Amino acid sequence: MPQIILIALVGAGLWLGWRILRKEMRRVDRELRKAEHDLRAGERPIALEKDPETGVYKPKD
C-alpha cells in the first residue's frame, strides 16, 4: 500500500511540474512573439559611428 501512495505522490508532482513548465513556456512564447512584433513594427536601428579619438561608438547625427 505505501508503494501506491508513493507512486500517486510522484505522479501528482510530475503533473504539477508539467503544468508549471507549460505555463512558463507559454509566457516566454508570448514575450518572444511581442518582441518580434515590436522589432518588425518599430523604427529602424540607430546607425553608429566610431569616434577615432576615443574609440567609442556614438549615434550618427
PDB file of N, CA and C in Angstrom:
ATOM      1  N   MET A   1       0.804  -1.197   0.000  1.00  0.00           N
ATOM      2  CA  MET A   1       0.000   0.000   0.000  1.00  0.00           C
ATOM      3  C   MET A   1       0.857   1.276   0.000  1.00  0.00           C
ATOM      4  N   PRO A   2       1.959   1.347   0.755  1.00  0.00           N
ATOM      5  CA  PRO A   2       2.779   2.564   0.715  1.00  0.00           C
ATOM      6  C   PRO A   2       3.340   2.849  -0.689  1.00  0.00           C
ATOM      7  N   GLN A   3       3.564   1.784  -1.475  1.00  0.00           N
ATOM      8  CA  GLN A   3       4.083   1.991  -2.826  1.00  0.00           C
ATOM      9  C   GLN A   3       3.063   2.739  -3.695  1.00  0.00           C
ATOM     10  N   ILE A   4       1.800   2.409  -3.520  1.00  0.00           N
ATOM     11  CA  ILE A   4       0.749   3.073  -4.306  1.00  0.00           C
ATOM     12  C   ILE A   4       0.676   4.549  -3.936  1.00  0.00           C
ATOM     13  N   ILE A   5       0.790   4.842  -2.657  1.00  0.00           N
ATOM     14  CA  ILE A   5       0.767   6.242  -2.209  1.00  0.00           C
ATOM     15  C   ILE A   5       1.975   6.985  -2.760  1.00  0.00           C
ATOM     16  N   LEU A   6       3.140   6.352  -2.720  1.00  0.00           N
ATOM     17  CA  LEU A   6       4.358   6.969  -3.252  1.00  0.00           C
ATOM     18  C   LEU A   6       4.222   7.220  -4.753  1.00  0.00           C
ATOM     19  N   ILE A   7       3.709   6.248  -5.488  1.00  0.00           N
ATOM     20  CA  ILE A   7       3.532   6.413  -6.939  1.00  0.00           C
ATOM     21  C   ILE A   7       2.531   7.531  -7.218  1.00  0.00           C
ATOM     22  N   ALA A   8       1.466   7.609  -6.427  1.00  0.00           N
ATOM     23  CA  ALA A   8       0.473   8.665  -6.607  1.00  0.00           C
ATOM     24  C   ALA A   8       1.083  10.040  -6.318  1.00  0.00           C
ATOM     25  N   LEU A   9       1.890  10.145  -5.286  1.00  0.00           N
ATOM     26  CA  LEU A   9       2.542  11.423  -4.969  1.00  0.00           C
ATOM     27  C   LEU A   9       3.519  11.834  -6.059  1.00  0.00           C
ATOM     28  N   VAL A  10       4.295  10.876  -6.551  1.00  0.00           N
ATOM     29  CA  VAL A  10       5.239  11.173  -7.629  1.00  0.00           C
ATOM     30  C   VAL A  10       4.479  11.603  -8.877  1.00  0.00           C
ATOM     31  N   GLY A  11       3.403  10.894  -9.199  1.00  0.00           N
ATOM     32  CA  GLY A  11       2.587  11.252 -10.360  1.00  0.00           C
ATOM     33  C   GLY A  11       1.991  12.639 -10.229  1.00  0.00           C
ATOM     34  N   ALA A  12       1.479  12.957  -9.049  1.00  0.00           N
ATOM     35  CA  ALA A  12       0.907  14.287  -8.827  1.00  0.00           C
ATOM     36  C   ALA A  12       1.987  15.360  -8.938  1.00  0.00           C
ATOM     37  N   GLY A  13       3.172  15.077  -8.432  1.00  0.00           N
ATOM     38  CA  GLY A  13       4.280  16.027  -8.539  1.00  0.00           C
ATOM     39  C   GLY A  13       4.695  16.255  -9.985  1.00  0.00           C
ATOM     40  N   LEU A  14       4.749  15.175 -10.767  1.00  0.00           N
ATOM     41  CA  LEU A  14       5.094  15.300 -12.184  1.00  0.00           C
ATOM     42  C   LEU A  14       4.024  16.088 -12.935  1.00  0.00           C
ATOM     43  N   TRP A  15       2.759  15.810 -12.634  1.00  0.00           N
ATOM     44  CA  TRP A  15       1.669  16.516 -13.296  1.00  0.00           C
ATOM     45  C   TRP A  15       1.722  18.013 -12.975  1.00  0.00           C
ATOM     46  N   LEU A  16       1.928  18.335 -11.695  1.00  0.00           N
ATOM     47  CA  LEU A  16       2.017  19.734 -11.284  1.00  0.00           C
ATOM     48  C   LEU A  16       3.232  20.411 -11.925  1.00  0.00           C
ATOM     49  N   GLY A  17       4.354  19.715 -11.945  1.00  0.00           N
ATOM     50  CA  GLY A  17       5.561  20.264 -12.573  1.00  0.00           C
ATOM     51  C   GLY A  17       5.346  20.541 -14.049  1.00  0.00           C
ATOM     52  N   TRP A  18       4.662  19.631 -14.752  1.00  0.00           N
ATOM     53  CA  TRP A  18       4.386  19.816 -16.177  1.00  0.00           C
ATOM     54  C   TRP A  18       3.489  21.030 -16.401  1.00  0.00           C
ATOM     55  N   ARG A  19       2.480  21.217 -15.535  1.00  0.00           N
ATOM     56  CA  ARG A  19       1.592  22.377 -15.675  1.00  0.00           C
ATOM     57  C   ARG A  19       2.355  23.683 -15.483  1.00  0.00           C
ATOM     58  N   ILE A  20       3.246  23.711 -14.497  1.00  0.00           N
ATOM     59  CA  ILE A  20       4.037  24.912 -14.243  1.00  0.00           C
ATOM     60  C   ILE A  20       4.975  25.180 -15.413  1.00  0.00           C
ATOM     61  N   LEU A  21       5.623  24.132 -15.914  1.00  0.00           N
ATOM     62  CA  LEU A  21       6.534  24.276 -17.054  1.00  0.00           C
ATOM     63  C   LEU A  21       5.788  24.756 -18.288  1.00  0.00           C
ATOM     64  N   ARG A  22       4.609  24.198 -18.553  1.00  0.00           N
ATOM     65  CA  ARG A  22       3.827  24.593 -19.724  1.00  0.00           C
ATOM     66  C   ARG A  22       3.400  26.055 -19.618  1.00  0.00           C
ATOM     67  N   LYS A  23       3.018  26.487 -18.421  1.00  0.00           N
ATOM     68  CA  LYS A  23       2.630  27.884 -18.205  1.00  0.00           C
ATOM     69  C   LYS A  23       3.813  28.813 -18.478  1.00  0.00           C
ATOM     70  N   GLU A  24       4.988  28.437 -18.013  1.00  0.00           N
ATOM     71  CA  GLU A  24       6.188  29.245 -18.233  1.00  0.00           C
ATOM     72  C   GLU A  24       6.561  29.279 -19.715  1.00  0.00           C
ATOM     73  N   MET A  25       6.421  28.153 -20.402  1.00  0.00           N
ATOM     74  CA  MET A  25       6.727  28.118 -21.838  1.00  0.00           C
ATOM     75  C   MET A  25       5.785  29.044 -22.603  1.00  0.00           C
ATOM     76  N   ARG A  26       4.526  29.073 -22.229  1.00  0.00           N
ATOM     77  CA  ARG A  26       3.571  29.966 -22.888  1.00  0.00           C
ATOM     78  C   ARG A  26       3.917  31.427 -22.625  1.00  0.00           C
ATOM     79  N   ARG A  27       4.322  31.735 -21.395  1.00  0.00           N
ATOM     80  CA  ARG A  27       4.690  33.121 -21.060  1.00  0.00           C
ATOM     81  C   ARG A  27       5.887  33.578 -21.878  1.00  0.00           C
ATOM     82  N   VAL A  28       6.903  32.716 -21.971  1.00  0.00           N
ATOM     83  CA  VAL A  28       8.101  33.060 -22.736  1.00  0.00           C
ATOM     84  C   VAL A  28       7.758  33.212 -24.211  1.00  0.00           C
ATOM     85  N   ASP A  29       6.904  32.334 -24.722  1.00  0.00           N
ATOM     86  CA  ASP A  29       6.491  32.427 -26.124  1.00  0.00           C
ATOM     87  C   ASP A  29       5.780  33.742 -26.402  1.00  0.00           C
ATOM     88  N   ARG A  30       4.894  34.156 -25.482  1.00  0.00           N
ATOM     89  CA  ARG A  30       4.208  35.443 -25.653  1.00  0.00           C
ATOM     90  C   ARG A  30       5.215  36.599 -25.686  1.00  0.00           C
ATOM     91  N   GLU A  31       6.184  36.572 -24.787  1.00  0.00           N
ATOM     92  CA  GLU A  31       7.182  37.645 -24.748  1.00  0.00           C
ATOM     93  C   GLU A  31       8.013  37.677 -26.028  1.00  0.00           C
ATOM     94  N   LEU A  32       8.406  36.510 -26.519  1.00  0.00           N
ATOM     95  CA  LEU A  32       9.193  36.456 -27.748  1.00  0.00           C
ATOM     96  C   LEU A  32       8.394  36.941 -28.949  1.00  0.00           C
ATOM     97  N   ARG A  33       7.135  36.537 -29.024  1.00  0.00           N
ATOM     98  CA  ARG A  33       6.293  36.992 -30.137  1.00  0.00           C
ATOM     99  C   ARG A  33       6.090  38.508 -30.077  1.00  0.00           C
ATOM    100  N   LYS A  34       5.899  39.057 -28.875  1.00  0.00           N
ATOM    101  CA  LYS A  34       5.730  40.502 -28.736  1.00  0.00           C
ATOM    102  C   LYS A  34       7.007  41.231 -29.136  1.00  0.00           C
ATOM    103  N   ALA A  35       8.149  40.724 -28.693  1.00  0.00           N
ATOM    104  CA  ALA A  35       9.423  41.356 -29.036  1.00  0.00           C
ATOM    105  C   ALA A  35       9.666  41.295 -30.543  1.00  0.00           C
ATOM    106  N   GLU A  36       9.329  40.174 -31.156  1.00  0.00           N
ATOM    107  CA  GLU A  36       9.499  40.035 -32.604  1.00  0.00           C
ATOM    108  C   GLU A  36       8.588  41.009 -33.335  1.00  0.00           C
ATOM    109  N   HIS A  37       7.341  41.141 -32.871  1.00  0.00           N
ATOM    110  CA  HIS A  37       6.406  42.076 -33.492  1.00  0.00           C
ATOM    111  C   HIS A  37       6.902  43.503 -33.343  1.00  0.00           C
ATOM    112  N   ASP A  38       7.356  43.861 -32.142  1.00  0.00           N
ATOM    113  CA  ASP A  38       7.860  45.211 -31.907  1.00  0.00           C
ATOM    114  C   ASP A  38       9.075  45.500 -32.774  1.00  0.00           C
ATOM    115  N   LEU A  39       9.913  44.505 -32.978  1.00  0.00           N
ATOM    116  CA  LEU A  39      11.109  44.684 -33.798  1.00  0.00           C
ATOM    117  C   LEU A  39      10.723  44.943 -35.243  1.00  0.00           C
ATOM    118  N   ARG A  40       9.740  44.211 -35.745  1.00  0.00           N
ATOM    119  CA  ARG A  40       9.314  44.397 -37.134  1.00  0.00           C
ATOM    120  C   ARG A  40       8.568  45.706 -37.331  1.00  0.00           C
ATOM    121  N   ALA A  41       7.779  46.113 -36.333  1.00  0.00           N
ATOM    122  CA  ALA A  41       6.948  47.308 -36.468  1.00  0.00           C
ATOM    123  C   ALA A  41       7.672  48.571 -36.005  1.00  0.00           C
ATOM    124  N   GLY A  42       8.778  48.416 -35.335  1.00  0.00           N
ATOM    125  CA  GLY A  42       9.464  49.567 -34.747  1.00  0.00           C
ATOM    126  C   GLY A  42      10.284  50.364 -35.738  1.00  0.00           C
ATOM    127  N   GLU A  43      11.024  51.275 -35.199  1.00  0.00           N
ATOM    128  CA  GLU A  43      11.871  52.141 -36.006  1.00  0.00           C
ATOM    129  C   GLU A  43      13.083  51.376 -36.519  1.00  0.00           C
ATOM    130  N   ARG A  44      13.729  51.985 -37.456  1.00  0.00           N
ATOM    131  CA  ARG A  44      14.964  51.392 -37.960  1.00  0.00           C
ATOM    132  C   ARG A  44      16.042  51.523 -36.882  1.00  0.00           C
ATOM    133  N   PRO A  45      17.004  50.630 -36.888  1.00  0.00           N
ATOM    134  CA  PRO A  45      18.075  50.721 -35.885  1.00  0.00           C
ATOM    135  C   PRO A  45      18.872  52.016 -36.044  1.00  0.00           C
ATOM    136  N   ILE A  46      19.416  52.484 -34.957  1.00  0.00           N
ATOM    137  CA  ILE A  46      20.214  53.709 -34.977  1.00  0.00           C
ATOM    138  C   ILE A  46      21.603  53.380 -35.503  1.00  0.00           C
ATOM    139  N   ALA A  47      22.042  54.153 -36.490  1.00  0.00           N
ATOM    140  CA  ALA A  47      23.376  53.958 -37.051  1.00  0.00           C
ATOM    141  C   ALA A  47      24.419  54.502 -36.068  1.00  0.00           C
ATOM    142  N   LEU A  48      25.492  53.770 -35.911  1.00  0.00           N
ATOM    143  CA  LEU A  48      26.562  54.183 -35.013  1.00  0.00           C
ATOM    144  C   LEU A  48      27.822  54.484 -35.805  1.00  0.00           C
ATOM    145  N   GLU A  49      28.631  55.383 -35.268  1.00  0.00           N
ATOM    146  CA  GLU A  49      29.939  55.661 -35.868  1.00  0.00           C
ATOM    147  C   GLU A  49      30.983  55.675 -34.757  1.00  0.00           C
ATOM    148  N   LYS A  50      32.162  55.231 -35.102  1.00  0.00           N
ATOM    149  CA  LYS A  50      33.235  55.145 -34.110  1.00  0.00           C
ATOM    150  C   LYS A  50      34.003  56.462 -34.065  1.00  0.00           C
ATOM    151  N   ASP A  51      34.184  56.973 -32.876  1.00  0.00           N
ATOM    152  CA  ASP A  51      34.969  58.189 -32.677  1.00  0.00           C
ATOM    153  C   ASP A  51      36.437  57.795 -32.769  1.00  0.00           C
ATOM    154  N   PRO A  52      37.173  58.334 -33.734  1.00  0.00           N
ATOM    155  CA  PRO A  52      38.568  57.909 -33.918  1.00  0.00           C
ATOM    156  C   PRO A  52      39.483  58.264 -32.739  1.00  0.00           C
ATOM    157  N   GLU A  53      39.137  59.306 -32.003  1.00  0.00           N
ATOM    158  CA  GLU A  53      39.993  59.721 -30.892  1.00  0.00           C
ATOM    159  C   GLU A  53      39.822  58.819 -29.671  1.00  0.00           C
ATOM    160  N   THR A  54      38.571  58.526 -29.320  1.00  0.00           N
ATOM    161  CA  THR A  54      38.319  57.755 -28.101  1.00  0.00           C
ATOM    162  C   THR A  54      38.056  56.283 -28.371  1.00  0.00           C
ATOM    163  N   GLY A  55      37.647  55.946 -29.608  1.00  0.00           N
ATOM    164  CA  GLY A  55      37.328  54.565 -29.929  1.00  0.00           C
ATOM    165  C   GLY A  55      35.960  54.131 -29.434  1.00  0.00           C
ATOM    166  N   VAL A  56      35.146  55.105 -29.035  1.00  0.00           N
ATOM    167  CA  VAL A  56      33.813  54.828 -28.521  1.00  0.00           C
ATOM    168  C   VAL A  56      32.801  55.027 -29.650  1.00  0.00           C
ATOM    169  N   TYR A  57      31.826  54.117 -29.735  1.00  0.00           N
ATOM    170  CA  TYR A  57      30.775  54.255 -30.741  1.00  0.00           C
ATOM    171  C   TYR A  57      29.697  55.199 -30.232  1.00  0.00           C
ATOM    172  N   LYS A  58      29.269  56.100 -31.106  1.00  0.00           N
ATOM    173  CA  LYS A  58      28.225  57.068 -30.772  1.00  0.00           C
ATOM    174  C   LYS A  58      27.180  57.067 -31.867  1.00  0.00           C
ATOM    175  N   PRO A  59      25.946  57.490 -31.556  1.00  0.00           N
ATOM    176  CA  PRO A  59      24.913  57.580 -32.608  1.00  0.00           C
ATOM    177  C   PRO A  59      25.326  58.572 -33.692  1.00  0.00           C
ATOM    178  N   LYS A  60      25.067  58.163 -34.915  1.00  0.00           N
ATOM    179  CA  LYS A  60      25.400  59.020 -36.057  1.00  0.00           C
ATOM    180  C   LYS A  60      24.369  60.136 -36.138  1.00  0.00           C
ATOM    181  N   ASP A  61      24.803  61.378 -36.291  1.00  0.00           N
ATOM    182  CA  ASP A  61      23.878  62.523 -36.357  1.00  0.00           C
ATOM    183  C   ASP A  61      23.307  62.693 -37.726  1.00  0.00           C
TER     184      ASP A  61
END
